[in-house]
Amino acid sequence: MKQNKPVRTIRNGGLSVSIWKNTTENDKAYYSVTPQKRYTKDDGATWETANSYTQRDAILLANLLTEAANWIRTNLEVEKNIGNA
């Protein structure tokens, strides 16, 4: 089975937003995003993923999500102009 990879990942410290390109049954492109927070446990060697965010994280994630939305909007326009969407 083929593993999909994000078309872009935007990072700020341990926070990231991955952008995924998908297509409908009619071959229409659309994008989705996945926010994530990665951190090391106390031992400094074991990586974990969090599903909750602090107030500071929320502000940084808002900026990352805005950047992702702008990237998606630009790429949809480019694809529309070249006929791939």
Protein backbone atom coordinates (compact mmCIF):
# COMPACT_ATOMS: atom_id res chain seq x y z
CA MET A 1 0.00 0.00 0.00
CA LYS A 2 1.34 3.43 -0.98
CA GLN A 3 1.89 5.80 1.95
CA ASN A 4 0.81 9.36 1.21
CA LYS A 5 3.15 12.15 2.22
CA PRO A 6 2.23 15.76 2.89
CA VAL A 7 2.87 18.16 0.02
CA ARG A 8 4.19 20.69 2.52
CA THR A 9 4.91 20.90 6.24
CA ILE A 10 5.22 24.27 7.97
CA ARG A 11 7.04 24.29 11.32
CA ASN A 12 7.60 26.54 14.30
CA GLY A 13 9.58 24.77 17.02
CA GLY A 14 7.75 21.59 18.02
CA LEU A 15 4.55 22.69 16.28
CA SER A 16 3.79 21.86 12.68
CA VAL A 17 0.97 21.91 10.17
CA SER A 18 1.11 19.35 7.37
CA ILE A 19 -0.77 20.01 4.13
CA TRP A 20 -2.22 17.03 2.27
CA LYS A 21 -3.42 17.02 -1.34
CA ASN A 22 -6.42 14.84 -2.10
CA THR A 23 -8.69 14.31 -5.08
CA THR A 24 -12.38 13.62 -5.34
CA GLU A 25 -13.87 10.82 -7.43
CA ASN A 26 -14.19 13.44 -10.20
CA ASP A 27 -10.43 14.22 -10.00
CA LYS A 28 -11.04 17.60 -8.37
CA ALA A 29 -8.17 18.61 -6.11
CA TYR A 30 -8.68 19.67 -2.52
CA TYR A 31 -6.37 20.07 0.44
CA SER A 32 -6.57 19.25 4.14
CA VAL A 33 -4.31 20.15 7.05
CA THR A 34 -3.10 18.33 10.15
CA PRO A 35 -1.74 20.29 13.13
CA GLN A 36 0.71 18.51 15.39
CA LYS A 37 2.85 19.12 18.47
CA ARG A 38 5.97 17.03 19.00
CA TYR A 39 8.05 17.01 22.15
CA THR A 40 10.59 14.83 23.93
CA LYS A 41 9.89 13.05 27.17
CA ASP A 42 11.99 13.74 30.25
CA ASP A 43 14.69 11.35 29.01
CA GLY A 44 15.24 13.64 26.00
CA ALA A 45 15.32 10.69 23.60
CA THR A 46 11.71 9.57 23.31
CA TRP A 47 9.49 11.63 21.02
CA GLU A 48 5.77 12.05 21.74
CA THR A 49 2.85 13.69 19.95
CA ALA A 50 0.38 15.87 21.85
CA ASN A 51 -3.31 16.33 21.12
CA SER A 52 -3.73 19.41 23.29
CA TYR A 53 -2.17 22.85 23.03
CA THR A 54 -1.31 25.66 25.42
CA GLN A 55 -2.47 29.24 24.89
CA ARG A 56 0.95 30.08 23.41
CA ASP A 57 0.71 27.02 21.14
CA ALA A 58 -2.72 28.14 19.98
CA ILE A 59 -1.38 31.52 18.91
CA LEU A 60 1.52 29.93 17.05
CA LEU A 61 -0.78 27.34 15.47
CA ALA A 62 -3.10 30.12 14.29
CA ASN A 63 -0.15 31.64 12.45
CA LEU A 64 0.88 28.29 10.98
CA LEU A 65 -2.70 27.57 9.88
CA THR A 66 -2.93 31.00 8.24
CA GLU A 67 0.30 30.31 6.37
CA ALA A 68 -1.05 26.90 5.31
CA ALA A 69 -4.33 28.44 4.11
CA ASN A 70 -2.40 31.00 2.06
CA TRP A 71 -0.23 28.26 0.55
CA ILE A 72 -3.32 26.22 -0.35
CA ARG A 73 -5.09 29.23 -1.89
CA THR A 74 -2.03 30.06 -4.01
CA ASN A 75 -1.61 26.47 -5.19
CA LEU A 76 -5.28 26.06 -6.06
CA GLU A 77 -5.05 29.23 -8.18
CA VAL A 78 -1.92 27.96 -9.93
CA GLU A 79 -3.55 24.56 -10.59
CA LYS A 80 -6.69 26.26 -11.87
CA ASN A 81 -4.64 28.38 -14.25
CA ILE A 82 -2.78 25.38 -15.67
CA GLY A 83 -5.89 23.19 -15.78
CA ASN A 84 -4.95 20.59 -13.15
CA ALA A 85 -7.77 21.32 -10.69
